[in-house]
Amino acid sequence: GGCVGGAGESPIVDAARAGAMRAMRSVDRARAHAEDASVSRACGATARVARGGMCAARGVPEAIDGVARAASALDAPTRDACAAALTTVGAFVWVKAFDALAKRGVFSSALSRKLVHITSGTFYAATWPLFSASVDARWFAAFIPLAQGARLFAIGSGLIDNANAVKAVSREGGREELLKGPLYYTVVLAACAGAYWRTSPVGLVALTMMCGGDGFADIIGRRFGSGNPLPWNAQKSFAGSIGFIVGGFVVASGLLAYFDAFGFIDVVGATYVSTAVIACACALVESLPLTDFVDDNFSVALTAIALGTLLYV
């Protein structure tokens, strides 16, 4: 009886064992598939993060270029009007951000004004790729600082009462100050946009020497200028002039490389050499005792335009 029972049980056990083995192999395959899928998802996520990092590393030109491509579906006047509106809002937020930081005590109001002086014009020029290829695009861009200049004129002349604007822009608190440096600043920005636009390094460098060079000269001069006055102007210092050269050259070179990335201008080694020469010349002009006759915003910009016309060929 036992032999019969053992002989009959063996095929069943073998079948069960075989089925169990097949089930185990199926589980192993499923687990391996799941692991592969998990690895694939992880790799995909890593690749997406890497792509995102690379896109972020490309910097502002990529972001601006993306917005410009999205706007390319619009007709030129609509695109330019939208770009002008976006630039105006961005500039307003930019200045208000510095005001808020100054009120929080992050830095003094004097430093805040100079940082706005350095960055506002640079920010303005950085938005030019948003505008269309139309010949009229530059006038949409030039309207932005002209409108701000008209506002400053109205406040400075007393046509509009705006104590906050006077406090934010003036050095001594007098509204008539708005009719000088701040107003001239907007005139230079509009002139650079209208006369040279984004296809010439001349306007870009003139703009950045006024913004970056003159701005850094004041900041560095106030911080490190004590004890090293210039022989021909005791109100200026060697430290301030060095700050002008370095700050002006760095800001100008950055903006030139930025527009080169968009293909608006061609920048080579000689371009940077010429920019360094212009920075030195503008620093010299800024150091001269001429402020009673001509504002630095004009003298620096005109020097950069004159030399840039000769050197950028």
C-alpha atoms as a PDB file:
ATOM      1  CA  GLY A   1       0.000   0.000   0.000  1.00  0.00           C
ATOM      2  CA  GLY A   2       2.851   2.332   0.904  1.00  0.00           C
ATOM      3  CA  CYS A   3       4.522   1.749  -2.461  1.00  0.00           C
ATOM      4  CA  VAL A   4       1.371   2.537  -4.350  1.00  0.00           C
ATOM      5  CA  GLY A   5       0.803   5.724  -2.236  1.00  0.00           C
ATOM      6  CA  GLY A   6       4.457   6.916  -2.757  1.00  0.00           C
ATOM      7  CA  ALA A   7       4.373   6.201  -6.483  1.00  0.00           C
ATOM      8  CA  GLY A   8       1.121   8.172  -6.860  1.00  0.00           C
ATOM      9  CA  GLU A   9       2.293  11.128  -4.705  1.00  0.00           C
ATOM     10  CA  SER A  10       5.565  11.822  -6.533  1.00  0.00           C
ATOM     11  CA  PRO A  11       4.105  13.367  -9.732  1.00  0.00           C
ATOM     12  CA  ILE A  12       1.899  15.684  -7.662  1.00  0.00           C
ATOM     13  CA  VAL A  13       4.809  16.845  -5.510  1.00  0.00           C
ATOM     14  CA  ASP A  14       6.985  17.343  -8.577  1.00  0.00           C
ATOM     15  CA  ALA A  15       4.272  19.343 -10.265  1.00  0.00           C
ATOM     16  CA  ALA A  16       3.786  21.487  -7.176  1.00  0.00           C
ATOM     17  CA  ARG A  17       7.505  22.016  -6.854  1.00  0.00           C
ATOM     18  CA  ALA A  18       7.769  22.967 -10.533  1.00  0.00           C
ATOM     19  CA  GLY A  19       4.869  25.375 -10.166  1.00  0.00           C
ATOM     20  CA  ALA A  20       6.463  26.948  -7.121  1.00  0.00           C
ATOM     21  CA  MET A  21       9.729  27.383  -8.997  1.00  0.00           C
ATOM     22  CA  ARG A  22       7.932  29.004 -11.899  1.00  0.00           C
ATOM     23  CA  ALA A  23       6.110  31.328  -9.500  1.00  0.00           C
ATOM     24  CA  MET A  24       9.385  32.271  -7.828  1.00  0.00           C
ATOM     25  CA  ARG A  25      10.967  33.001 -11.201  1.00  0.00           C
ATOM     26  CA  SER A  26       7.976  35.152 -12.103  1.00  0.00           C
ATOM     27  CA  VAL A  27       8.339  37.055  -8.846  1.00  0.00           C
ATOM     28  CA  ASP A  28      12.054  37.550  -9.520  1.00  0.00           C
ATOM     29  CA  ARG A  29      11.325  38.811 -13.023  1.00  0.00           C
ATOM     30  CA  ALA A  30       8.650  41.169 -11.690  1.00  0.00           C
ATOM     31  CA  ARG A  31      11.010  42.447  -9.012  1.00  0.00           C
ATOM     32  CA  ALA A  32      13.772  42.979 -11.552  1.00  0.00           C
ATOM     33  CA  HIS A  33      11.349  44.769 -13.860  1.00  0.00           C
ATOM     34  CA  ALA A  34      10.208  46.980 -11.005  1.00  0.00           C
ATOM     35  CA  GLU A  35      13.803  47.770 -10.072  1.00  0.00           C
ATOM     36  CA  ASP A  36      14.610  48.587 -13.691  1.00  0.00           C
ATOM     37  CA  ALA A  37      11.575  50.841 -13.866  1.00  0.00           C
ATOM     38  CA  SER A  38      12.587  52.514 -10.606  1.00  0.00           C
ATOM     39  CA  VAL A  39      16.110  53.045 -11.852  1.00  0.00           C
ATOM     40  CA  SER A  40      14.734  54.350 -15.111  1.00  0.00           C
ATOM     41  CA  ARG A  41      12.498  56.788 -13.279  1.00  0.00           C
ATOM     42  CA  ALA A  42      15.385  57.866 -11.075  1.00  0.00           C
ATOM     43  CA  CYS A  43      17.615  58.334 -14.090  1.00  0.00           C
ATOM     44  CA  GLY A  44      14.884  60.269 -15.812  1.00  0.00           C
ATOM     45  CA  ALA A  45      14.437  62.476 -12.773  1.00  0.00           C
ATOM     46  CA  THR A  46      18.188  62.975 -12.522  1.00  0.00           C
ATOM     47  CA  ALA A  47      18.354  63.844 -16.193  1.00  0.00           C
ATOM     48  CA  ARG A  48      15.527  66.328 -15.788  1.00  0.00           C
ATOM     49  CA  VAL A  49      17.261  67.923 -12.819  1.00  0.00           C
ATOM     50  CA  ALA A  50      20.512  68.018 -14.766  1.00  0.00           C
ATOM     51  CA  ARG A  51      18.786  69.580 -17.723  1.00  0.00           C
ATOM     52  CA  GLY A  52      17.169  72.082 -15.401  1.00  0.00           C
ATOM     53  CA  GLY A  53      20.536  72.896 -13.860  1.00  0.00           C
ATOM     54  CA  MET A  54      22.121  73.365 -17.249  1.00  0.00           C
ATOM     55  CA  CYS A  55      19.276  75.619 -18.332  1.00  0.00           C
ATOM     56  CA  ALA A  56      19.645  77.651 -15.143  1.00  0.00           C
ATOM     57  CA  ALA A  57      23.397  77.845 -15.692  1.00  0.00           C
ATOM     58  CA  ARG A  58      22.837  79.426 -19.080  1.00  0.00           C
ATOM     59  CA  GLY A  59      21.657  82.461 -17.166  1.00  0.00           C
ATOM     60  CA  VAL A  60      19.502  85.407 -18.006  1.00  0.00           C
ATOM     61  CA  PRO A  61      20.032  85.331 -21.807  1.00  0.00           C
ATOM     62  CA  GLU A  62      18.256  81.955 -22.007  1.00  0.00           C
ATOM     63  CA  ALA A  63      15.305  83.236 -20.002  1.00  0.00           C
ATOM     64  CA  ILE A  64      15.054  86.470 -21.973  1.00  0.00           C
ATOM     65  CA  ASP A  65      15.451  84.586 -25.241  1.00  0.00           C
ATOM     66  CA  GLY A  66      12.613  82.251 -24.257  1.00  0.00           C
ATOM     67  CA  VAL A  67      10.326  85.179 -23.563  1.00  0.00           C
ATOM     68  CA  ALA A  68      11.386  86.804 -26.840  1.00  0.00           C
ATOM     69  CA  ARG A  69      10.601  83.617 -28.781  1.00  0.00           C
ATOM     70  CA  ALA A  70       7.191  83.397 -27.123  1.00  0.00           C
ATOM     71  CA  ALA A  71       6.543  87.011 -28.094  1.00  0.00           C
ATOM     72  CA  SER A  72       7.612  86.438 -31.698  1.00  0.00           C
ATOM     73  CA  ALA A  73       4.064  85.376 -32.566  1.00  0.00           C
ATOM     74  CA  LEU A  74       2.900  88.941 -31.887  1.00  0.00           C
ATOM     75  CA  ASP A  75       3.040  91.691 -34.472  1.00  0.00           C
ATOM     76  CA  ALA A  76       5.893  94.155 -33.963  1.00  0.00           C
ATOM     77  CA  PRO A  77       3.958  97.084 -32.400  1.00  0.00           C
ATOM     78  CA  THR A  78       2.120  94.793 -29.973  1.00  0.00           C
ATOM     79  CA  ARG A  79       5.309  93.001 -29.003  1.00  0.00           C
ATOM     80  CA  ASP A  80       7.168  96.278 -28.475  1.00  0.00           C
ATOM     81  CA  ALA A  81       4.337  97.747 -26.419  1.00  0.00           C
ATOM     82  CA  CYS A  82       4.267  94.617 -24.251  1.00  0.00           C
ATOM     83  CA  ALA A  83       8.065  94.684 -23.886  1.00  0.00           C
ATOM     84  CA  ALA A  84       7.962  98.338 -22.865  1.00  0.00           C
ATOM     85  CA  ALA A  85       5.232  97.645 -20.318  1.00  0.00           C
ATOM     86  CA  LEU A  86       7.118  94.664 -18.901  1.00  0.00           C
ATOM     87  CA  THR A  87      10.333  96.687 -18.670  1.00  0.00           C
ATOM     88  CA  THR A  88       8.548  99.546 -16.917  1.00  0.00           C
ATOM     89  CA  VAL A  89       6.980  97.237 -14.342  1.00  0.00           C
ATOM     90  CA  GLY A  90      10.261  95.404 -13.828  1.00  0.00           C
ATOM     91  CA  ALA A  91      12.169  98.648 -13.308  1.00  0.00           C
ATOM     92  CA  PHE A  92       9.570  99.859 -10.798  1.00  0.00           C
ATOM     93  CA  VAL A  93       9.775  96.633  -8.807  1.00  0.00           C
ATOM     94  CA  TRP A  94      13.577  96.735  -8.998  1.00  0.00           C
ATOM     95  CA  VAL A  95      13.797 100.226  -7.490  1.00  0.00           C
ATOM     96  CA  LYS A  96      11.168  99.467  -4.850  1.00  0.00           C
ATOM     97  CA  ALA A  97      13.128  96.390  -3.796  1.00  0.00           C
ATOM     98  CA  PHE A  98      16.172  98.537  -3.052  1.00  0.00           C
ATOM     99  CA  ASP A  99      13.999 101.035  -1.172  1.00  0.00           C
ATOM    100  CA  ALA A 100      12.599  98.214   0.965  1.00  0.00           C
ATOM    101  CA  LEU A 101      16.069  96.865   1.724  1.00  0.00           C
ATOM    102  CA  ALA A 102      17.251 100.331   2.698  1.00  0.00           C
ATOM    103  CA  LYS A 103      14.277 100.773   5.046  1.00  0.00           C
ATOM    104  CA  ARG A 104      15.098  97.433   6.669  1.00  0.00           C
ATOM    105  CA  GLY A 105      18.598  98.683   7.337  1.00  0.00           C
ATOM    106  CA  VAL A 106      20.328  96.253   4.995  1.00  0.00           C
ATOM    107  CA  PHE A 107      22.290  99.217   3.666  1.00  0.00           C
ATOM    108  CA  SER A 108      22.140 102.998   3.875  1.00  0.00           C
ATOM    109  CA  SER A 109      19.925 105.149   1.708  1.00  0.00           C
ATOM    110  CA  ALA A 110      23.042 106.648   0.079  1.00  0.00           C
ATOM    111  CA  LEU A 111      24.294 103.188  -0.885  1.00  0.00           C
ATOM    112  CA  SER A 112      20.802 102.264  -2.054  1.00  0.00           C
ATOM    113  CA  ARG A 113      20.757 105.251  -4.418  1.00  0.00           C
ATOM    114  CA  LYS A 114      24.104 104.288  -5.898  1.00  0.00           C
ATOM    115  CA  LEU A 115      23.103 100.652  -6.322  1.00  0.00           C
ATOM    116  CA  VAL A 116      20.000 101.826  -8.148  1.00  0.00           C
ATOM    117  CA  HIS A 117      22.249 104.088 -10.237  1.00  0.00           C
ATOM    118  CA  ILE A 118      24.436 101.107 -11.174  1.00  0.00           C
ATOM    119  CA  THR A 119      21.753  98.524 -11.788  1.00  0.00           C
ATOM    120  CA  SER A 120      18.754 100.400 -13.195  1.00  0.00           C
ATOM    121  CA  GLY A 121      20.372 101.372 -16.479  1.00  0.00           C
ATOM    122  CA  THR A 122      21.969  97.957 -16.807  1.00  0.00           C
ATOM    123  CA  PHE A 123      18.626  96.261 -16.161  1.00  0.00           C
ATOM    124  CA  TYR A 124      16.996  98.550 -18.724  1.00  0.00           C
ATOM    125  CA  ALA A 125      19.526  97.624 -21.422  1.00  0.00           C
ATOM    126  CA  ALA A 126      19.239  93.936 -20.540  1.00  0.00           C
ATOM    127  CA  THR A 127      15.566  94.008 -21.563  1.00  0.00           C
ATOM    128  CA  TRP A 128      16.256  95.209 -25.105  1.00  0.00           C
ATOM    129  CA  PRO A 129      16.256  91.681 -26.591  1.00  0.00           C
ATOM    130  CA  LEU A 130      12.569  91.515 -25.665  1.00  0.00           C
ATOM    131  CA  PHE A 131      11.777  94.074 -28.350  1.00  0.00           C
ATOM    132  CA  SER A 132      11.098  93.213 -31.979  1.00  0.00           C
ATOM    133  CA  ALA A 133      13.385  93.645 -34.982  1.00  0.00           C
ATOM    134  CA  SER A 134      11.285  96.565 -36.191  1.00  0.00           C
ATOM    135  CA  VAL A 135      13.079  99.843 -36.882  1.00  0.00           C
ATOM    136  CA  ASP A 136      10.614 101.483 -34.497  1.00  0.00           C
ATOM    137  CA  ALA A 137      11.396  99.144 -31.590  1.00  0.00           C
ATOM    138  CA  ARG A 138      14.127 101.417 -30.240  1.00  0.00           C
ATOM    139  CA  TRP A 139      11.642 104.251 -29.827  1.00  0.00           C
ATOM    140  CA  PHE A 140       9.370 102.099 -27.718  1.00  0.00           C
ATOM    141  CA  ALA A 141      12.392 101.357 -25.534  1.00  0.00           C
ATOM    142  CA  ALA A 142      13.537 104.988 -25.477  1.00  0.00           C
ATOM    143  CA  PHE A 143      10.086 106.080 -24.333  1.00  0.00           C
ATOM    144  CA  ILE A 144      10.593 104.343 -20.973  1.00  0.00           C
ATOM    145  CA  PRO A 145      13.398 106.576 -19.619  1.00  0.00           C
ATOM    146  CA  LEU A 146      11.880 109.606 -21.341  1.00  0.00           C
ATOM    147  CA  ALA A 147       8.635 109.051 -19.440  1.00  0.00           C
ATOM    148  CA  GLN A 148      10.605 108.711 -16.204  1.00  0.00           C
ATOM    149  CA  GLY A 149      12.504 111.867 -17.076  1.00  0.00           C
ATOM    150  CA  ALA A 150       9.251 113.745 -17.611  1.00  0.00           C
ATOM    151  CA  ARG A 151       8.075 112.543 -14.206  1.00  0.00           C
ATOM    152  CA  LEU A 152      11.311 113.699 -12.554  1.00  0.00           C
ATOM    153  CA  PHE A 153      11.012 117.070 -14.272  1.00  0.00           C
ATOM    154  CA  ALA A 154       7.430 117.487 -13.077  1.00  0.00           C
ATOM    155  CA  ILE A 155       8.388 116.638  -9.489  1.00  0.00           C
ATOM    156  CA  GLY A 156      11.592 118.667  -9.503  1.00  0.00           C
ATOM    157  CA  SER A 157       9.882 121.749 -10.919  1.00  0.00           C
ATOM    158  CA  GLY A 158       7.024 121.518  -8.435  1.00  0.00           C
ATOM    159  CA  LEU A 159       4.307 120.575 -10.902  1.00  0.00           C
ATOM    160  CA  ILE A 160       3.780 117.334  -8.977  1.00  0.00           C
ATOM    161  CA  ASP A 161       4.144 116.965  -5.224  1.00  0.00           C
ATOM    162  CA  ASN A 162       5.882 113.668  -4.397  1.00  0.00           C
ATOM    163  CA  ALA A 163       7.913 113.821  -1.203  1.00  0.00           C
ATOM    164  CA  ASN A 164       8.740 110.121  -1.318  1.00  0.00           C
ATOM    165  CA  ALA A 165      10.321 110.431  -4.771  1.00  0.00           C
ATOM    166  CA  VAL A 166      12.361 113.439  -3.636  1.00  0.00           C
ATOM    167  CA  LYS A 167      13.587 111.567  -0.580  1.00  0.00           C
ATOM    168  CA  ALA A 168      14.461 108.459  -2.579  1.00  0.00           C
ATOM    169  CA  VAL A 169      16.339 110.199  -5.388  1.00  0.00           C
ATOM    170  CA  SER A 170      17.891 113.349  -3.958  1.00  0.00           C
ATOM    171  CA  ARG A 171      21.024 113.508  -1.822  1.00  0.00           C
ATOM    172  CA  GLU A 172      20.183 116.540   0.300  1.00  0.00           C
ATOM    173  CA  GLY A 173      16.395 116.309   0.216  1.00  0.00           C
ATOM    174  CA  GLY A 174      15.732 119.150  -2.225  1.00  0.00           C
ATOM    175  CA  ARG A 175      13.328 118.560  -5.100  1.00  0.00           C
ATOM    176  CA  GLU A 176      15.443 120.714  -7.427  1.00  0.00           C
ATOM    177  CA  GLU A 177      18.103 117.983  -7.324  1.00  0.00           C
ATOM    178  CA  LEU A 178      15.844 115.857  -9.506  1.00  0.00           C
ATOM    179  CA  LEU A 179      16.394 118.346 -12.319  1.00  0.00           C
ATOM    180  CA  LYS A 180      20.112 117.545 -12.422  1.00  0.00           C
ATOM    181  CA  GLY A 181      21.795 114.129 -12.158  1.00  0.00           C
ATOM    182  CA  PRO A 182      18.664 111.942 -12.041  1.00  0.00           C
ATOM    183  CA  LEU A 183      17.096 113.750 -15.020  1.00  0.00           C
ATOM    184  CA  TYR A 184      20.344 113.650 -17.010  1.00  0.00           C
ATOM    185  CA  TYR A 185      20.596 109.931 -16.272  1.00  0.00           C
ATOM    186  CA  THR A 186      17.280 109.264 -18.021  1.00  0.00           C
ATOM    187  CA  VAL A 187      18.280 111.457 -20.966  1.00  0.00           C
ATOM    188  CA  VAL A 188      21.485 109.448 -21.507  1.00  0.00           C
ATOM    189  CA  LEU A 189      19.570 106.147 -21.344  1.00  0.00           C
ATOM    190  CA  ALA A 190      17.058 107.331 -23.929  1.00  0.00           C
ATOM    191  CA  ALA A 191      19.793 108.727 -26.176  1.00  0.00           C
ATOM    192  CA  CYS A 192      21.789 105.465 -26.096  1.00  0.00           C
ATOM    193  CA  ALA A 193      18.672 103.486 -26.990  1.00  0.00           C
ATOM    194  CA  GLY A 194      17.560 105.824 -29.759  1.00  0.00           C
ATOM    195  CA  ALA A 195      20.942 106.531 -31.325  1.00  0.00           C
ATOM    196  CA  TYR A 196      22.768 103.203 -30.976  1.00  0.00           C
ATOM    197  CA  TRP A 197      20.236 100.604 -29.856  1.00  0.00           C
ATOM    198  CA  ARG A 198      21.431  97.015 -29.427  1.00  0.00           C
ATOM    199  CA  THR A 199      23.535  96.575 -32.566  1.00  0.00           C
ATOM    200  CA  SER A 200      26.419  98.834 -31.557  1.00  0.00           C
ATOM    201  CA  PRO A 201      28.774  98.489 -28.588  1.00  0.00           C
ATOM    202  CA  VAL A 202      29.126 102.278 -28.441  1.00  0.00           C
ATOM    203  CA  GLY A 203      25.792 102.954 -26.765  1.00  0.00           C
ATOM    204  CA  LEU A 204      26.076  99.929 -24.494  1.00  0.00           C
ATOM    205  CA  VAL A 205      29.493 100.969 -23.210  1.00  0.00           C
ATOM    206  CA  ALA A 206      28.491 104.629 -22.818  1.00  0.00           C
ATOM    207  CA  LEU A 207      25.495 103.529 -20.784  1.00  0.00           C
ATOM    208  CA  THR A 208      27.483 101.183 -18.559  1.00  0.00           C
ATOM    209  CA  MET A 209      30.307 103.651 -17.944  1.00  0.00           C
ATOM    210  CA  MET A 210      27.721 106.108 -16.677  1.00  0.00           C
ATOM    211  CA  CYS A 211      25.991 103.450 -14.571  1.00  0.00           C
ATOM    212  CA  GLY A 212      28.696 101.055 -13.446  1.00  0.00           C
ATOM    213  CA  GLY A 213      31.791 103.248 -13.647  1.00  0.00           C
ATOM    214  CA  ASP A 214      30.404 106.367 -12.017  1.00  0.00           C
ATOM    215  CA  GLY A 215      28.405 104.345  -9.496  1.00  0.00           C
ATOM    216  CA  PHE A 216      31.298 102.212  -8.300  1.00  0.00           C
ATOM    217  CA  ALA A 217      33.604 105.259  -8.201  1.00  0.00           C
ATOM    218  CA  ASP A 218      31.305 106.814  -5.601  1.00  0.00           C
ATOM    219  CA  ILE A 219      30.887 103.636  -3.544  1.00  0.00           C
ATOM    220  CA  ILE A 220      34.580 102.712  -3.502  1.00  0.00           C
ATOM    221  CA  GLY A 221      35.694 106.315  -3.093  1.00  0.00           C
ATOM    222  CA  ARG A 222      33.533 106.814  -0.014  1.00  0.00           C
ATOM    223  CA  ARG A 223      34.733 103.570   1.516  1.00  0.00           C
ATOM    224  CA  PHE A 224      38.443 103.632   0.707  1.00  0.00           C
ATOM    225  CA  GLY A 225      39.172 107.134  -0.590  1.00  0.00           C
ATOM    226  CA  SER A 226      40.175 108.764   2.662  1.00  0.00           C
ATOM    227  CA  GLY A 227      43.860 109.634   2.629  1.00  0.00           C
ATOM    228  CA  ASN A 228      44.501 109.212  -1.110  1.00  0.00           C
ATOM    229  CA  PRO A 229      43.073 112.307  -2.834  1.00  0.00           C
ATOM    230  CA  LEU A 230      43.924 113.037  -6.425  1.00  0.00           C
ATOM    231  CA  PRO A 231      46.499 115.830  -6.921  1.00  0.00           C
ATOM    232  CA  TRP A 232      44.261 117.657  -9.403  1.00  0.00           C
ATOM    233  CA  ASN A 233      40.998 117.226  -7.465  1.00  0.00           C
ATOM    234  CA  ALA A 234      40.951 116.776  -3.699  1.00  0.00           C
ATOM    235  CA  GLN A 235      37.259 115.849  -3.863  1.00  0.00           C
ATOM    236  CA  LYS A 236      38.181 112.663  -5.746  1.00  0.00           C
ATOM    237  CA  SER A 237      40.471 109.794  -4.792  1.00  0.00           C
ATOM    238  CA  PHE A 238      42.708 107.205  -6.388  1.00  0.00           C
ATOM    239  CA  ALA A 239      40.508 104.523  -4.824  1.00  0.00           C
ATOM    240  CA  GLY A 240      37.417 105.984  -6.449  1.00  0.00           C
ATOM    241  CA  SER A 241      39.095 106.188  -9.858  1.00  0.00           C
ATOM    242  CA  ILE A 242      40.228 102.561  -9.588  1.00  0.00           C
ATOM    243  CA  GLY A 243      36.670 101.645  -8.606  1.00  0.00           C
ATOM    244  CA  PHE A 244      35.439 103.447 -11.723  1.00  0.00           C
ATOM    245  CA  ILE A 245      37.846 101.593 -14.028  1.00  0.00           C
ATOM    246  CA  VAL A 246      37.187  98.149 -12.573  1.00  0.00           C
ATOM    247  CA  GLY A 247      33.428  98.621 -12.101  1.00  0.00           C
ATOM    248  CA  GLY A 248      32.906 100.233 -15.486  1.00  0.00           C
ATOM    249  CA  PHE A 249      34.941  97.619 -17.306  1.00  0.00           C
ATOM    250  CA  VAL A 250      33.259  94.666 -15.577  1.00  0.00           C
ATOM    251  CA  VAL A 251      29.700  95.932 -16.100  1.00  0.00           C
ATOM    252  CA  ALA A 252      30.413  96.936 -19.705  1.00  0.00           C
ATOM    253  CA  SER A 253      32.113  93.621 -20.508  1.00  0.00           C
ATOM    254  CA  GLY A 254      29.206  91.701 -19.005  1.00  0.00           C
ATOM    255  CA  LEU A 255      26.663  93.593 -21.081  1.00  0.00           C
ATOM    256  CA  LEU A 256      28.750  93.221 -24.239  1.00  0.00           C
ATOM    257  CA  ALA A 257      29.005  89.450 -23.705  1.00  0.00           C
ATOM    258  CA  TYR A 258      25.257  89.368 -23.040  1.00  0.00           C
ATOM    259  CA  PHE A 259      24.401  90.997 -26.375  1.00  0.00           C
ATOM    260  CA  ASP A 260      27.011  88.909 -28.137  1.00  0.00           C
ATOM    261  CA  ALA A 261      25.193  85.799 -26.843  1.00  0.00           C
ATOM    262  CA  PHE A 262      22.050  87.017 -28.594  1.00  0.00           C
ATOM    263  CA  GLY A 263      23.947  87.690 -31.807  1.00  0.00           C
ATOM    264  CA  PHE A 264      23.284  91.437 -31.859  1.00  0.00           C
ATOM    265  CA  ILE A 265      26.993  92.323 -31.808  1.00  0.00           C
ATOM    266  CA  ASP A 266      30.284  90.504 -32.330  1.00  0.00           C
ATOM    267  CA  VAL A 267      32.648  90.664 -29.369  1.00  0.00           C
ATOM    268  CA  VAL A 268      36.320  89.701 -29.730  1.00  0.00           C
ATOM    269  CA  GLY A 269      39.420  90.209 -27.631  1.00  0.00           C
ATOM    270  CA  ALA A 270      40.059  93.635 -29.142  1.00  0.00           C
ATOM    271  CA  THR A 271      36.583  94.709 -28.024  1.00  0.00           C
ATOM    272  CA  TYR A 272      37.509  94.177 -24.383  1.00  0.00           C
ATOM    273  CA  VAL A 273      40.846  95.956 -24.837  1.00  0.00           C
ATOM    274  CA  SER A 274      39.029  98.958 -26.287  1.00  0.00           C
ATOM    275  CA  THR A 275      36.549  98.828 -23.416  1.00  0.00           C
ATOM    276  CA  ALA A 276      39.395  98.932 -20.888  1.00  0.00           C
ATOM    277  CA  VAL A 277      40.871 101.989 -22.633  1.00  0.00           C
ATOM    278  CA  ILE A 278      37.469 103.695 -22.573  1.00  0.00           C
ATOM    279  CA  ALA A 279      37.044 102.888 -18.880  1.00  0.00           C
ATOM    280  CA  CYS A 280      40.397 104.515 -18.068  1.00  0.00           C
ATOM    281  CA  ALA A 281      39.596 107.605 -20.130  1.00  0.00           C
ATOM    282  CA  CYS A 282      36.152 107.965 -18.570  1.00  0.00           C
ATOM    283  CA  ALA A 283      37.633 107.575 -15.093  1.00  0.00           C
ATOM    284  CA  LEU A 284      40.037 110.417 -15.852  1.00  0.00           C
ATOM    285  CA  VAL A 285      37.234 112.662 -17.109  1.00  0.00           C
ATOM    286  CA  GLU A 286      35.098 111.812 -14.071  1.00  0.00           C
ATOM    287  CA  SER A 287      37.974 112.785 -11.766  1.00  0.00           C
ATOM    288  CA  LEU A 288      38.398 116.271 -13.250  1.00  0.00           C
ATOM    289  CA  PRO A 289      36.952 119.267 -11.351  1.00  0.00           C
ATOM    290  CA  LEU A 290      34.267 119.904 -13.950  1.00  0.00           C
ATOM    291  CA  THR A 291      31.060 119.267 -12.015  1.00  0.00           C
ATOM    292  CA  ASP A 292      30.311 123.006 -11.837  1.00  0.00           C
ATOM    293  CA  PHE A 293      30.226 123.074 -15.626  1.00  0.00           C
ATOM    294  CA  VAL A 294      28.959 119.673 -16.750  1.00  0.00           C
ATOM    295  CA  ASP A 295      27.331 116.762 -14.943  1.00  0.00           C
ATOM    296  CA  ASP A 296      29.268 113.481 -14.691  1.00  0.00           C
ATOM    297  CA  ASN A 297      26.436 111.613 -16.383  1.00  0.00           C
ATOM    298  CA  PHE A 298      26.970 113.711 -19.508  1.00  0.00           C
ATOM    299  CA  SER A 299      30.756 114.019 -19.466  1.00  0.00           C
ATOM    300  CA  VAL A 300      31.328 110.289 -18.917  1.00  0.00           C
ATOM    301  CA  ALA A 301      28.783 109.195 -21.516  1.00  0.00           C
ATOM    302  CA  LEU A 302      30.064 111.636 -24.137  1.00  0.00           C
ATOM    303  CA  THR A 303      33.659 110.520 -23.553  1.00  0.00           C
ATOM    304  CA  ALA A 304      32.653 106.877 -23.988  1.00  0.00           C
ATOM    305  CA  ILE A 305      30.708 107.686 -27.162  1.00  0.00           C
ATOM    306  CA  ALA A 306      33.604 109.660 -28.673  1.00  0.00           C
ATOM    307  CA  LEU A 307      36.200 106.991 -27.952  1.00  0.00           C
ATOM    308  CA  GLY A 308      33.846 104.122 -28.760  1.00  0.00           C
ATOM    309  CA  THR A 309      33.161 105.590 -32.197  1.00  0.00           C
ATOM    310  CA  LEU A 310      36.910 105.592 -32.860  1.00  0.00           C
ATOM    311  CA  LEU A 311      37.832 102.258 -31.278  1.00  0.00           C
ATOM    312  CA  TYR A 312      34.916  99.948 -32.093  1.00  0.00           C
ATOM    313  CA  VAL A 313      35.525  99.518 -35.799  1.00  0.00           C
END
